[in-house]
Structure formats: C-alpha cells, structure tokens
PDBML (XML) file of the C-alpha atoms, coordinates in Angstrom:
<?xml version="1.0" encoding="UTF-8" ?>
<PDBx:datablock datablockName="MODEL"
   xmlns:PDBx="http://pdbml.pdb.org/schema/pdbx-v50.xsd"
   xmlns:xsi="http://www.w3.org/2001/XMLSchema-instance"
   xsi:schemaLocation="http://pdbml.pdb.org/schema/pdbx-v50.xsd pdbx-v50.xsd">
   <PDBx:atom_siteCategory>
      <PDBx:atom_site id="1">
         <PDBx:B_iso_or_equiv>0.00</PDBx:B_iso_or_equiv>
         <PDBx:Cartn_x>-3.562</PDBx:Cartn_x>
         <PDBx:Cartn_y>28.491</PDBx:Cartn_y>
         <PDBx:Cartn_z>16.997</PDBx:Cartn_z>
         <PDBx:auth_asym_id>A</PDBx:auth_asym_id>
         <PDBx:auth_atom_id>CA</PDBx:auth_atom_id>
         <PDBx:auth_comp_id>ARG</PDBx:auth_comp_id>
         <PDBx:auth_seq_id>1</PDBx:auth_seq_id>
         <PDBx:group_PDB>ATOM</PDBx:group_PDB>
         <PDBx:label_alt_id xsi:nil="true" />
         <PDBx:label_asym_id>A</PDBx:label_asym_id>
         <PDBx:label_atom_id>CA</PDBx:label_atom_id>
         <PDBx:label_comp_id>ARG</PDBx:label_comp_id>
         <PDBx:label_entity_id>1</PDBx:label_entity_id>
         <PDBx:label_seq_id>1</PDBx:label_seq_id>
         <PDBx:occupancy>1.00</PDBx:occupancy>
         <PDBx:pdbx_PDB_model_num>1</PDBx:pdbx_PDB_model_num>
         <PDBx:type_symbol>C</PDBx:type_symbol>
      </PDBx:atom_site>
      <PDBx:atom_site id="2">
         <PDBx:B_iso_or_equiv>0.00</PDBx:B_iso_or_equiv>
         <PDBx:Cartn_x>-5.597</PDBx:Cartn_x>
         <PDBx:Cartn_y>27.288</PDBx:Cartn_y>
         <PDBx:Cartn_z>19.967</PDBx:Cartn_z>
         <PDBx:auth_asym_id>A</PDBx:auth_asym_id>
         <PDBx:auth_atom_id>CA</PDBx:auth_atom_id>
         <PDBx:auth_comp_id>GLU</PDBx:auth_comp_id>
         <PDBx:auth_seq_id>2</PDBx:auth_seq_id>
         <PDBx:group_PDB>ATOM</PDBx:group_PDB>
         <PDBx:label_alt_id xsi:nil="true" />
         <PDBx:label_asym_id>A</PDBx:label_asym_id>
         <PDBx:label_atom_id>CA</PDBx:label_atom_id>
         <PDBx:label_comp_id>GLU</PDBx:label_comp_id>
         <PDBx:label_entity_id>1</PDBx:label_entity_id>
         <PDBx:label_seq_id>2</PDBx:label_seq_id>
         <PDBx:occupancy>1.00</PDBx:occupancy>
         <PDBx:pdbx_PDB_model_num>1</PDBx:pdbx_PDB_model_num>
         <PDBx:type_symbol>C</PDBx:type_symbol>
      </PDBx:atom_site>
      <PDBx:atom_site id="3">
         <PDBx:B_iso_or_equiv>0.00</PDBx:B_iso_or_equiv>
         <PDBx:Cartn_x>-7.905</PDBx:Cartn_x>
         <PDBx:Cartn_y>29.838</PDBx:Cartn_y>
         <PDBx:Cartn_z>21.671</PDBx:Cartn_z>
         <PDBx:auth_asym_id>A</PDBx:auth_asym_id>
         <PDBx:auth_atom_id>CA</PDBx:auth_atom_id>
         <PDBx:auth_comp_id>PRO</PDBx:auth_comp_id>
         <PDBx:auth_seq_id>3</PDBx:auth_seq_id>
         <PDBx:group_PDB>ATOM</PDBx:group_PDB>
         <PDBx:label_alt_id xsi:nil="true" />
         <PDBx:label_asym_id>A</PDBx:label_asym_id>
         <PDBx:label_atom_id>CA</PDBx:label_atom_id>
         <PDBx:label_comp_id>PRO</PDBx:label_comp_id>
         <PDBx:label_entity_id>1</PDBx:label_entity_id>
         <PDBx:label_seq_id>3</PDBx:label_seq_id>
         <PDBx:occupancy>1.00</PDBx:occupancy>
         <PDBx:pdbx_PDB_model_num>1</PDBx:pdbx_PDB_model_num>
         <PDBx:type_symbol>C</PDBx:type_symbol>
      </PDBx:atom_site>
      <PDBx:atom_site id="4">
         <PDBx:B_iso_or_equiv>0.00</PDBx:B_iso_or_equiv>
         <PDBx:Cartn_x>-8.700</PDBx:Cartn_x>
         <PDBx:Cartn_y>27.343</PDBx:Cartn_y>
         <PDBx:Cartn_z>24.471</PDBx:Cartn_z>
         <PDBx:auth_asym_id>A</PDBx:auth_asym_id>
         <PDBx:auth_atom_id>CA</PDBx:auth_atom_id>
         <PDBx:auth_comp_id>ARG</PDBx:auth_comp_id>
         <PDBx:auth_seq_id>4</PDBx:auth_seq_id>
         <PDBx:group_PDB>ATOM</PDBx:group_PDB>
         <PDBx:label_alt_id xsi:nil="true" />
         <PDBx:label_asym_id>A</PDBx:label_asym_id>
         <PDBx:label_atom_id>CA</PDBx:label_atom_id>
         <PDBx:label_comp_id>ARG</PDBx:label_comp_id>
         <PDBx:label_entity_id>1</PDBx:label_entity_id>
         <PDBx:label_seq_id>4</PDBx:label_seq_id>
         <PDBx:occupancy>1.00</PDBx:occupancy>
         <PDBx:pdbx_PDB_model_num>1</PDBx:pdbx_PDB_model_num>
         <PDBx:type_symbol>C</PDBx:type_symbol>
      </PDBx:atom_site>
      <PDBx:atom_site id="5">
         <PDBx:B_iso_or_equiv>0.00</PDBx:B_iso_or_equiv>
         <PDBx:Cartn_x>-5.273</PDBx:Cartn_x>
         <PDBx:Cartn_y>28.039</PDBx:Cartn_y>
         <PDBx:Cartn_z>26.003</PDBx:Cartn_z>
         <PDBx:auth_asym_id>A</PDBx:auth_asym_id>
         <PDBx:auth_atom_id>CA</PDBx:auth_atom_id>
         <PDBx:auth_comp_id>LEU</PDBx:auth_comp_id>
         <PDBx:auth_seq_id>5</PDBx:auth_seq_id>
         <PDBx:group_PDB>ATOM</PDBx:group_PDB>
         <PDBx:label_alt_id xsi:nil="true" />
         <PDBx:label_asym_id>A</PDBx:label_asym_id>
         <PDBx:label_atom_id>CA</PDBx:label_atom_id>
         <PDBx:label_comp_id>LEU</PDBx:label_comp_id>
         <PDBx:label_entity_id>1</PDBx:label_entity_id>
         <PDBx:label_seq_id>5</PDBx:label_seq_id>
         <PDBx:occupancy>1.00</PDBx:occupancy>
         <PDBx:pdbx_PDB_model_num>1</PDBx:pdbx_PDB_model_num>
         <PDBx:type_symbol>C</PDBx:type_symbol>
      </PDBx:atom_site>
      <PDBx:atom_site id="6">
         <PDBx:B_iso_or_equiv>0.00</PDBx:B_iso_or_equiv>
         <PDBx:Cartn_x>-6.550</PDBx:Cartn_x>
         <PDBx:Cartn_y>31.387</PDBx:Cartn_y>
         <PDBx:Cartn_z>27.261</PDBx:Cartn_z>
         <PDBx:auth_asym_id>A</PDBx:auth_asym_id>
         <PDBx:auth_atom_id>CA</PDBx:auth_atom_id>
         <PDBx:auth_comp_id>SER</PDBx:auth_comp_id>
         <PDBx:auth_seq_id>6</PDBx:auth_seq_id>
         <PDBx:group_PDB>ATOM</PDBx:group_PDB>
         <PDBx:label_alt_id xsi:nil="true" />
         <PDBx:label_asym_id>A</PDBx:label_asym_id>
         <PDBx:label_atom_id>CA</PDBx:label_atom_id>
         <PDBx:label_comp_id>SER</PDBx:label_comp_id>
         <PDBx:label_entity_id>1</PDBx:label_entity_id>
         <PDBx:label_seq_id>6</PDBx:label_seq_id>
         <PDBx:occupancy>1.00</PDBx:occupancy>
         <PDBx:pdbx_PDB_model_num>1</PDBx:pdbx_PDB_model_num>
         <PDBx:type_symbol>C</PDBx:type_symbol>
      </PDBx:atom_site>
      <PDBx:atom_site id="7">
         <PDBx:B_iso_or_equiv>0.00</PDBx:B_iso_or_equiv>
         <PDBx:Cartn_x>-8.932</PDBx:Cartn_x>
         <PDBx:Cartn_y>29.422</PDBx:Cartn_y>
         <PDBx:Cartn_z>29.494</PDBx:Cartn_z>
         <PDBx:auth_asym_id>A</PDBx:auth_asym_id>
         <PDBx:auth_atom_id>CA</PDBx:auth_atom_id>
         <PDBx:auth_comp_id>ASP</PDBx:auth_comp_id>
         <PDBx:auth_seq_id>7</PDBx:auth_seq_id>
         <PDBx:group_PDB>ATOM</PDBx:group_PDB>
         <PDBx:label_alt_id xsi:nil="true" />
         <PDBx:label_asym_id>A</PDBx:label_asym_id>
         <PDBx:label_atom_id>CA</PDBx:label_atom_id>
         <PDBx:label_comp_id>ASP</PDBx:label_comp_id>
         <PDBx:label_entity_id>1</PDBx:label_entity_id>
         <PDBx:label_seq_id>7</PDBx:label_seq_id>
         <PDBx:occupancy>1.00</PDBx:occupancy>
         <PDBx:pdbx_PDB_model_num>1</PDBx:pdbx_PDB_model_num>
         <PDBx:type_symbol>C</PDBx:type_symbol>
      </PDBx:atom_site>
      <PDBx:atom_site id="8">
         <PDBx:B_iso_or_equiv>0.00</PDBx:B_iso_or_equiv>
         <PDBx:Cartn_x>-6.945</PDBx:Cartn_x>
         <PDBx:Cartn_y>27.932</PDBx:Cartn_y>
         <PDBx:Cartn_z>32.429</PDBx:Cartn_z>
         <PDBx:auth_asym_id>A</PDBx:auth_asym_id>
         <PDBx:auth_atom_id>CA</PDBx:auth_atom_id>
         <PDBx:auth_comp_id>PRO</PDBx:auth_comp_id>
         <PDBx:auth_seq_id>8</PDBx:auth_seq_id>
         <PDBx:group_PDB>ATOM</PDBx:group_PDB>
         <PDBx:label_alt_id xsi:nil="true" />
         <PDBx:label_asym_id>A</PDBx:label_asym_id>
         <PDBx:label_atom_id>CA</PDBx:label_atom_id>
         <PDBx:label_comp_id>PRO</PDBx:label_comp_id>
         <PDBx:label_entity_id>1</PDBx:label_entity_id>
         <PDBx:label_seq_id>8</PDBx:label_seq_id>
         <PDBx:occupancy>1.00</PDBx:occupancy>
         <PDBx:pdbx_PDB_model_num>1</PDBx:pdbx_PDB_model_num>
         <PDBx:type_symbol>C</PDBx:type_symbol>
      </PDBx:atom_site>
      <PDBx:atom_site id="9">
         <PDBx:B_iso_or_equiv>0.00</PDBx:B_iso_or_equiv>
         <PDBx:Cartn_x>-9.601</PDBx:Cartn_x>
         <PDBx:Cartn_y>25.262</PDBx:Cartn_y>
         <PDBx:Cartn_z>33.025</PDBx:Cartn_z>
         <PDBx:auth_asym_id>A</PDBx:auth_asym_id>
         <PDBx:auth_atom_id>CA</PDBx:auth_atom_id>
         <PDBx:auth_comp_id>ALA</PDBx:auth_comp_id>
         <PDBx:auth_seq_id>9</PDBx:auth_seq_id>
         <PDBx:group_PDB>ATOM</PDBx:group_PDB>
         <PDBx:label_alt_id xsi:nil="true" />
         <PDBx:label_asym_id>A</PDBx:label_asym_id>
         <PDBx:label_atom_id>CA</PDBx:label_atom_id>
         <PDBx:label_comp_id>ALA</PDBx:label_comp_id>
         <PDBx:label_entity_id>1</PDBx:label_entity_id>
         <PDBx:label_seq_id>9</PDBx:label_seq_id>
         <PDBx:occupancy>1.00</PDBx:occupancy>
         <PDBx:pdbx_PDB_model_num>1</PDBx:pdbx_PDB_model_num>
         <PDBx:type_symbol>C</PDBx:type_symbol>
      </PDBx:atom_site>
      <PDBx:atom_site id="10">
         <PDBx:B_iso_or_equiv>0.00</PDBx:B_iso_or_equiv>
         <PDBx:Cartn_x>-9.268</PDBx:Cartn_x>
         <PDBx:Cartn_y>23.927</PDBx:Cartn_y>
         <PDBx:Cartn_z>29.472</PDBx:Cartn_z>
         <PDBx:auth_asym_id>A</PDBx:auth_asym_id>
         <PDBx:auth_atom_id>CA</PDBx:auth_atom_id>
         <PDBx:auth_comp_id>ALA</PDBx:auth_comp_id>
         <PDBx:auth_seq_id>10</PDBx:auth_seq_id>
         <PDBx:group_PDB>ATOM</PDBx:group_PDB>
         <PDBx:label_alt_id xsi:nil="true" />
         <PDBx:label_asym_id>A</PDBx:label_asym_id>
         <PDBx:label_atom_id>CA</PDBx:label_atom_id>
         <PDBx:label_comp_id>ALA</PDBx:label_comp_id>
         <PDBx:label_entity_id>1</PDBx:label_entity_id>
         <PDBx:label_seq_id>10</PDBx:label_seq_id>
         <PDBx:occupancy>1.00</PDBx:occupancy>
         <PDBx:pdbx_PDB_model_num>1</PDBx:pdbx_PDB_model_num>
         <PDBx:type_symbol>C</PDBx:type_symbol>
      </PDBx:atom_site>
      <PDBx:atom_site id="11">
         <PDBx:B_iso_or_equiv>0.00</PDBx:B_iso_or_equiv>
         <PDBx:Cartn_x>-5.652</PDBx:Cartn_x>
         <PDBx:Cartn_y>22.764</PDBx:Cartn_y>
         <PDBx:Cartn_z>29.897</PDBx:Cartn_z>
         <PDBx:auth_asym_id>A</PDBx:auth_asym_id>
         <PDBx:auth_atom_id>CA</PDBx:auth_atom_id>
         <PDBx:auth_comp_id>GLY</PDBx:auth_comp_id>
         <PDBx:auth_seq_id>11</PDBx:auth_seq_id>
         <PDBx:group_PDB>ATOM</PDBx:group_PDB>
         <PDBx:label_alt_id xsi:nil="true" />
         <PDBx:label_asym_id>A</PDBx:label_asym_id>
         <PDBx:label_atom_id>CA</PDBx:label_atom_id>
         <PDBx:label_comp_id>GLY</PDBx:label_comp_id>
         <PDBx:label_entity_id>1</PDBx:label_entity_id>
         <PDBx:label_seq_id>11</PDBx:label_seq_id>
         <PDBx:occupancy>1.00</PDBx:occupancy>
         <PDBx:pdbx_PDB_model_num>1</PDBx:pdbx_PDB_model_num>
         <PDBx:type_symbol>C</PDBx:type_symbol>
      </PDBx:atom_site>
      <PDBx:atom_site id="12">
         <PDBx:B_iso_or_equiv>0.00</PDBx:B_iso_or_equiv>
         <PDBx:Cartn_x>-3.094</PDBx:Cartn_x>
         <PDBx:Cartn_y>22.047</PDBx:Cartn_y>
         <PDBx:Cartn_z>27.187</PDBx:Cartn_z>
         <PDBx:auth_asym_id>A</PDBx:auth_asym_id>
         <PDBx:auth_atom_id>CA</PDBx:auth_atom_id>
         <PDBx:auth_comp_id>LEU</PDBx:auth_comp_id>
         <PDBx:auth_seq_id>12</PDBx:auth_seq_id>
         <PDBx:group_PDB>ATOM</PDBx:group_PDB>
         <PDBx:label_alt_id xsi:nil="true" />
         <PDBx:label_asym_id>A</PDBx:label_asym_id>
         <PDBx:label_atom_id>CA</PDBx:label_atom_id>
         <PDBx:label_comp_id>LEU</PDBx:label_comp_id>
         <PDBx:label_entity_id>1</PDBx:label_entity_id>
         <PDBx:label_seq_id>12</PDBx:label_seq_id>
         <PDBx:occupancy>1.00</PDBx:occupancy>
         <PDBx:pdbx_PDB_model_num>1</PDBx:pdbx_PDB_model_num>
         <PDBx:type_symbol>C</PDBx:type_symbol>
      </PDBx:atom_site>
      <PDBx:atom_site id="13">
         <PDBx:B_iso_or_equiv>0.00</PDBx:B_iso_or_equiv>
         <PDBx:Cartn_x>-3.773</PDBx:Cartn_x>
         <PDBx:Cartn_y>20.938</PDBx:Cartn_y>
         <PDBx:Cartn_z>23.615</PDBx:Cartn_z>
         <PDBx:auth_asym_id>A</PDBx:auth_asym_id>
         <PDBx:auth_atom_id>CA</PDBx:auth_atom_id>
         <PDBx:auth_comp_id>THR</PDBx:auth_comp_id>
         <PDBx:auth_seq_id>13</PDBx:auth_seq_id>
         <PDBx:group_PDB>ATOM</PDBx:group_PDB>
         <PDBx:label_alt_id xsi:nil="true" />
         <PDBx:label_asym_id>A</PDBx:label_asym_id>
         <PDBx:label_atom_id>CA</PDBx:label_atom_id>
         <PDBx:label_comp_id>THR</PDBx:label_comp_id>
         <PDBx:label_entity_id>1</PDBx:label_entity_id>
         <PDBx:label_seq_id>13</PDBx:label_seq_id>
         <PDBx:occupancy>1.00</PDBx:occupancy>
         <PDBx:pdbx_PDB_model_num>1</PDBx:pdbx_PDB_model_num>
         <PDBx:type_symbol>C</PDBx:type_symbol>
      </PDBx:atom_site>
      <PDBx:atom_site id="14">
         <PDBx:B_iso_or_equiv>0.00</PDBx:B_iso_or_equiv>
         <PDBx:Cartn_x>-2.797</PDBx:Cartn_x>
         <PDBx:Cartn_y>17.527</PDBx:Cartn_y>
         <PDBx:Cartn_z>22.300</PDBx:Cartn_z>
         <PDBx:auth_asym_id>A</PDBx:auth_asym_id>
         <PDBx:auth_atom_id>CA</PDBx:auth_atom_id>
         <PDBx:auth_comp_id>ASP</PDBx:auth_comp_id>
         <PDBx:auth_seq_id>14</PDBx:auth_seq_id>
         <PDBx:group_PDB>ATOM</PDBx:group_PDB>
         <PDBx:label_alt_id xsi:nil="true" />
         <PDBx:label_asym_id>A</PDBx:label_asym_id>
         <PDBx:label_atom_id>CA</PDBx:label_atom_id>
         <PDBx:label_comp_id>ASP</PDBx:label_comp_id>
         <PDBx:label_entity_id>1</PDBx:label_entity_id>
         <PDBx:label_seq_id>14</PDBx:label_seq_id>
         <PDBx:occupancy>1.00</PDBx:occupancy>
         <PDBx:pdbx_PDB_model_num>1</PDBx:pdbx_PDB_model_num>
         <PDBx:type_symbol>C</PDBx:type_symbol>
      </PDBx:atom_site>
      <PDBx:atom_site id="15">
         <PDBx:B_iso_or_equiv>0.00</PDBx:B_iso_or_equiv>
         <PDBx:Cartn_x>-0.090</PDBx:Cartn_x>
         <PDBx:Cartn_y>19.048</PDBx:Cartn_y>
         <PDBx:Cartn_z>20.105</PDBx:Cartn_z>
         <PDBx:auth_asym_id>A</PDBx:auth_asym_id>
         <PDBx:auth_atom_id>CA</PDBx:auth_atom_id>
         <PDBx:auth_comp_id>GLY</PDBx:auth_comp_id>
         <PDBx:auth_seq_id>15</PDBx:auth_seq_id>
         <PDBx:group_PDB>ATOM</PDBx:group_PDB>
         <PDBx:label_alt_id xsi:nil="true" />
         <PDBx:label_asym_id>A</PDBx:label_asym_id>
         <PDBx:label_atom_id>CA</PDBx:label_atom_id>
         <PDBx:label_comp_id>GLY</PDBx:label_comp_id>
         <PDBx:label_entity_id>1</PDBx:label_entity_id>
         <PDBx:label_seq_id>15</PDBx:label_seq_id>
         <PDBx:occupancy>1.00</PDBx:occupancy>
         <PDBx:pdbx_PDB_model_num>1</PDBx:pdbx_PDB_model_num>
         <PDBx:type_symbol>C</PDBx:type_symbol>
      </PDBx:atom_site>
      <PDBx:atom_site id="16">
         <PDBx:B_iso_or_equiv>0.00</PDBx:B_iso_or_equiv>
         <PDBx:Cartn_x>1.378</PDBx:Cartn_x>
         <PDBx:Cartn_y>20.937</PDBx:Cartn_y>
         <PDBx:Cartn_z>23.041</PDBx:Cartn_z>
         <PDBx:auth_asym_id>A</PDBx:auth_asym_id>
         <PDBx:auth_atom_id>CA</PDBx:auth_atom_id>
         <PDBx:auth_comp_id>LEU</PDBx:auth_comp_id>
         <PDBx:auth_seq_id>16</PDBx:auth_seq_id>
         <PDBx:group_PDB>ATOM</PDBx:group_PDB>
         <PDBx:label_alt_id xsi:nil="true" />
         <PDBx:label_asym_id>A</PDBx:label_asym_id>
         <PDBx:label_atom_id>CA</PDBx:label_atom_id>
         <PDBx:label_comp_id>LEU</PDBx:label_comp_id>
         <PDBx:label_entity_id>1</PDBx:label_entity_id>
         <PDBx:label_seq_id>16</PDBx:label_seq_id>
         <PDBx:occupancy>1.00</PDBx:occupancy>
         <PDBx:pdbx_PDB_model_num>1</PDBx:pdbx_PDB_model_num>
         <PDBx:type_symbol>C</PDBx:type_symbol>
      </PDBx:atom_site>
      <PDBx:atom_site id="17">
         <PDBx:B_iso_or_equiv>0.00</PDBx:B_iso_or_equiv>
         <PDBx:Cartn_x>1.278</PDBx:Cartn_x>
         <PDBx:Cartn_y>17.801</PDBx:Cartn_y>
         <PDBx:Cartn_z>25.205</PDBx:Cartn_z>
         <PDBx:auth_asym_id>A</PDBx:auth_asym_id>
         <PDBx:auth_atom_id>CA</PDBx:auth_atom_id>
         <PDBx:auth_comp_id>TYR</PDBx:auth_comp_id>
         <PDBx:auth_seq_id>17</PDBx:auth_seq_id>
         <PDBx:group_PDB>ATOM</PDBx:group_PDB>
         <PDBx:label_alt_id xsi:nil="true" />
         <PDBx:label_asym_id>A</PDBx:label_asym_id>
         <PDBx:label_atom_id>CA</PDBx:label_atom_id>
         <PDBx:label_comp_id>TYR</PDBx:label_comp_id>
         <PDBx:label_entity_id>1</PDBx:label_entity_id>
         <PDBx:label_seq_id>17</PDBx:label_seq_id>
         <PDBx:occupancy>1.00</PDBx:occupancy>
         <PDBx:pdbx_PDB_model_num>1</PDBx:pdbx_PDB_model_num>
         <PDBx:type_symbol>C</PDBx:type_symbol>
      </PDBx:atom_site>
      <PDBx:atom_site id="18">
         <PDBx:B_iso_or_equiv>0.00</PDBx:B_iso_or_equiv>
         <PDBx:Cartn_x>3.094</PDBx:Cartn_x>
         <PDBx:Cartn_y>15.841</PDBx:Cartn_y>
         <PDBx:Cartn_z>22.491</PDBx:Cartn_z>
         <PDBx:auth_asym_id>A</PDBx:auth_asym_id>
         <PDBx:auth_atom_id>CA</PDBx:auth_atom_id>
         <PDBx:auth_comp_id>ARG</PDBx:auth_comp_id>
         <PDBx:auth_seq_id>18</PDBx:auth_seq_id>
         <PDBx:group_PDB>ATOM</PDBx:group_PDB>
         <PDBx:label_alt_id xsi:nil="true" />
         <PDBx:label_asym_id>A</PDBx:label_asym_id>
         <PDBx:label_atom_id>CA</PDBx:label_atom_id>
         <PDBx:label_comp_id>ARG</PDBx:label_comp_id>
         <PDBx:label_entity_id>1</PDBx:label_entity_id>
         <PDBx:label_seq_id>18</PDBx:label_seq_id>
         <PDBx:occupancy>1.00</PDBx:occupancy>
         <PDBx:pdbx_PDB_model_num>1</PDBx:pdbx_PDB_model_num>
         <PDBx:type_symbol>C</PDBx:type_symbol>
      </PDBx:atom_site>
      <PDBx:atom_site id="19">
         <PDBx:B_iso_or_equiv>0.00</PDBx:B_iso_or_equiv>
         <PDBx:Cartn_x>5.769</PDBx:Cartn_x>
         <PDBx:Cartn_y>18.534</PDBx:Cartn_y>
         <PDBx:Cartn_z>22.158</PDBx:Cartn_z>
         <PDBx:auth_asym_id>A</PDBx:auth_asym_id>
         <PDBx:auth_atom_id>CA</PDBx:auth_atom_id>
         <PDBx:auth_comp_id>GLU</PDBx:auth_comp_id>
         <PDBx:auth_seq_id>19</PDBx:auth_seq_id>
         <PDBx:group_PDB>ATOM</PDBx:group_PDB>
         <PDBx:label_alt_id xsi:nil="true" />
         <PDBx:label_asym_id>A</PDBx:label_asym_id>
         <PDBx:label_atom_id>CA</PDBx:label_atom_id>
         <PDBx:label_comp_id>GLU</PDBx:label_comp_id>
         <PDBx:label_entity_id>1</PDBx:label_entity_id>
         <PDBx:label_seq_id>19</PDBx:label_seq_id>
         <PDBx:occupancy>1.00</PDBx:occupancy>
         <PDBx:pdbx_PDB_model_num>1</PDBx:pdbx_PDB_model_num>
         <PDBx:type_symbol>C</PDBx:type_symbol>
      </PDBx:atom_site>
      <PDBx:atom_site id="20">
         <PDBx:B_iso_or_equiv>0.00</PDBx:B_iso_or_equiv>
         <PDBx:Cartn_x>6.315</PDBx:Cartn_x>
         <PDBx:Cartn_y>18.819</PDBx:Cartn_y>
         <PDBx:Cartn_z>25.903</PDBx:Cartn_z>
         <PDBx:auth_asym_id>A</PDBx:auth_asym_id>
         <PDBx:auth_atom_id>CA</PDBx:auth_atom_id>
         <PDBx:auth_comp_id>VAL</PDBx:auth_comp_id>
         <PDBx:auth_seq_id>20</PDBx:auth_seq_id>
         <PDBx:group_PDB>ATOM</PDBx:group_PDB>
         <PDBx:label_alt_id xsi:nil="true" />
         <PDBx:label_asym_id>A</PDBx:label_asym_id>
         <PDBx:label_atom_id>CA</PDBx:label_atom_id>
         <PDBx:label_comp_id>VAL</PDBx:label_comp_id>
         <PDBx:label_entity_id>1</PDBx:label_entity_id>
         <PDBx:label_seq_id>20</PDBx:label_seq_id>
         <PDBx:occupancy>1.00</PDBx:occupancy>
         <PDBx:pdbx_PDB_model_num>1</PDBx:pdbx_PDB_model_num>
         <PDBx:type_symbol>C</PDBx:type_symbol>
      </PDBx:atom_site>
      <PDBx:atom_site id="21">
         <PDBx:B_iso_or_equiv>0.00</PDBx:B_iso_or_equiv>
         <PDBx:Cartn_x>6.529</PDBx:Cartn_x>
         <PDBx:Cartn_y>15.027</PDBx:Cartn_y>
         <PDBx:Cartn_z>26.222</PDBx:Cartn_z>
         <PDBx:auth_asym_id>A</PDBx:auth_asym_id>
         <PDBx:auth_atom_id>CA</PDBx:auth_atom_id>
         <PDBx:auth_comp_id>ASN</PDBx:auth_comp_id>
         <PDBx:auth_seq_id>21</PDBx:auth_seq_id>
         <PDBx:group_PDB>ATOM</PDBx:group_PDB>
         <PDBx:label_alt_id xsi:nil="true" />
         <PDBx:label_asym_id>A</PDBx:label_asym_id>
         <PDBx:label_atom_id>CA</PDBx:label_atom_id>
         <PDBx:label_comp_id>ASN</PDBx:label_comp_id>
         <PDBx:label_entity_id>1</PDBx:label_entity_id>
         <PDBx:label_seq_id>21</PDBx:label_seq_id>
         <PDBx:occupancy>1.00</PDBx:occupancy>
         <PDBx:pdbx_PDB_model_num>1</PDBx:pdbx_PDB_model_num>
         <PDBx:type_symbol>C</PDBx:type_symbol>
      </PDBx:atom_site>
      <PDBx:atom_site id="22">
         <PDBx:B_iso_or_equiv>0.00</PDBx:B_iso_or_equiv>
         <PDBx:Cartn_x>8.974</PDBx:Cartn_x>
         <PDBx:Cartn_y>14.819</PDBx:Cartn_y>
         <PDBx:Cartn_z>23.301</PDBx:Cartn_z>
         <PDBx:auth_asym_id>A</PDBx:auth_asym_id>
         <PDBx:auth_atom_id>CA</PDBx:auth_atom_id>
         <PDBx:auth_comp_id>ARG</PDBx:auth_comp_id>
         <PDBx:auth_seq_id>22</PDBx:auth_seq_id>
         <PDBx:group_PDB>ATOM</PDBx:group_PDB>
         <PDBx:label_alt_id xsi:nil="true" />
         <PDBx:label_asym_id>A</PDBx:label_asym_id>
         <PDBx:label_atom_id>CA</PDBx:label_atom_id>
         <PDBx:label_comp_id>ARG</PDBx:label_comp_id>
         <PDBx:label_entity_id>1</PDBx:label_entity_id>
         <PDBx:label_seq_id>22</PDBx:label_seq_id>
         <PDBx:occupancy>1.00</PDBx:occupancy>
         <PDBx:pdbx_PDB_model_num>1</PDBx:pdbx_PDB_model_num>
         <PDBx:type_symbol>C</PDBx:type_symbol>
      </PDBx:atom_site>
      <PDBx:atom_site id="23">
         <PDBx:B_iso_or_equiv>0.00</PDBx:B_iso_or_equiv>
         <PDBx:Cartn_x>11.142</PDBx:Cartn_x>
         <PDBx:Cartn_y>17.550</PDBx:Cartn_y>
         <PDBx:Cartn_z>24.854</PDBx:Cartn_z>
         <PDBx:auth_asym_id>A</PDBx:auth_asym_id>
         <PDBx:auth_atom_id>CA</PDBx:auth_atom_id>
         <PDBx:auth_comp_id>ALA</PDBx:auth_comp_id>
         <PDBx:auth_seq_id>23</PDBx:auth_seq_id>
         <PDBx:group_PDB>ATOM</PDBx:group_PDB>
         <PDBx:label_alt_id xsi:nil="true" />
         <PDBx:label_asym_id>A</PDBx:label_asym_id>
         <PDBx:label_atom_id>CA</PDBx:label_atom_id>
         <PDBx:label_comp_id>ALA</PDBx:label_comp_id>
         <PDBx:label_entity_id>1</PDBx:label_entity_id>
         <PDBx:label_seq_id>23</PDBx:label_seq_id>
         <PDBx:occupancy>1.00</PDBx:occupancy>
         <PDBx:pdbx_PDB_model_num>1</PDBx:pdbx_PDB_model_num>
         <PDBx:type_symbol>C</PDBx:type_symbol>
      </PDBx:atom_site>
      <PDBx:atom_site id="24">
         <PDBx:B_iso_or_equiv>0.00</PDBx:B_iso_or_equiv>
         <PDBx:Cartn_x>11.141</PDBx:Cartn_x>
         <PDBx:Cartn_y>15.871</PDBx:Cartn_y>
         <PDBx:Cartn_z>28.257</PDBx:Cartn_z>
         <PDBx:auth_asym_id>A</PDBx:auth_asym_id>
         <PDBx:auth_atom_id>CA</PDBx:auth_atom_id>
         <PDBx:auth_comp_id>ARG</PDBx:auth_comp_id>
         <PDBx:auth_seq_id>24</PDBx:auth_seq_id>
         <PDBx:group_PDB>ATOM</PDBx:group_PDB>
         <PDBx:label_alt_id xsi:nil="true" />
         <PDBx:label_asym_id>A</PDBx:label_asym_id>
         <PDBx:label_atom_id>CA</PDBx:label_atom_id>
         <PDBx:label_comp_id>ARG</PDBx:label_comp_id>
         <PDBx:label_entity_id>1</PDBx:label_entity_id>
         <PDBx:label_seq_id>24</PDBx:label_seq_id>
         <PDBx:occupancy>1.00</PDBx:occupancy>
         <PDBx:pdbx_PDB_model_num>1</PDBx:pdbx_PDB_model_num>
         <PDBx:type_symbol>C</PDBx:type_symbol>
      </PDBx:atom_site>
      <PDBx:atom_site id="25">
         <PDBx:B_iso_or_equiv>0.00</PDBx:B_iso_or_equiv>
         <PDBx:Cartn_x>12.133</PDBx:Cartn_x>
         <PDBx:Cartn_y>12.584</PDBx:Cartn_y>
         <PDBx:Cartn_z>26.634</PDBx:Cartn_z>
         <PDBx:auth_asym_id>A</PDBx:auth_asym_id>
         <PDBx:auth_atom_id>CA</PDBx:auth_atom_id>
         <PDBx:auth_comp_id>GLY</PDBx:auth_comp_id>
         <PDBx:auth_seq_id>25</PDBx:auth_seq_id>
         <PDBx:group_PDB>ATOM</PDBx:group_PDB>
         <PDBx:label_alt_id xsi:nil="true" />
         <PDBx:label_asym_id>A</PDBx:label_asym_id>
         <PDBx:label_atom_id>CA</PDBx:label_atom_id>
         <PDBx:label_comp_id>GLY</PDBx:label_comp_id>
         <PDBx:label_entity_id>1</PDBx:label_entity_id>
         <PDBx:label_seq_id>25</PDBx:label_seq_id>
         <PDBx:occupancy>1.00</PDBx:occupancy>
         <PDBx:pdbx_PDB_model_num>1</PDBx:pdbx_PDB_model_num>
         <PDBx:type_symbol>C</PDBx:type_symbol>
      </PDBx:atom_site>
   </PDBx:atom_siteCategory>
</PDBx:datablock>
C-alpha cells in the first residue's frame, strides 16, 4: 500500500509502526 517503503530514507509508515509496536508488546 505504501510506495514510500521503497525509499530507505523515508522510514516506516504509521500503520507499520503501530503493528510492530503491538507485536513487540
């Protein structure tokens, strides 16, 4: 869904951050 992820400088999307944080928790 997010084309910015192909750019390493752009970083992760908010949705991906939320999912990673939820999984780590």
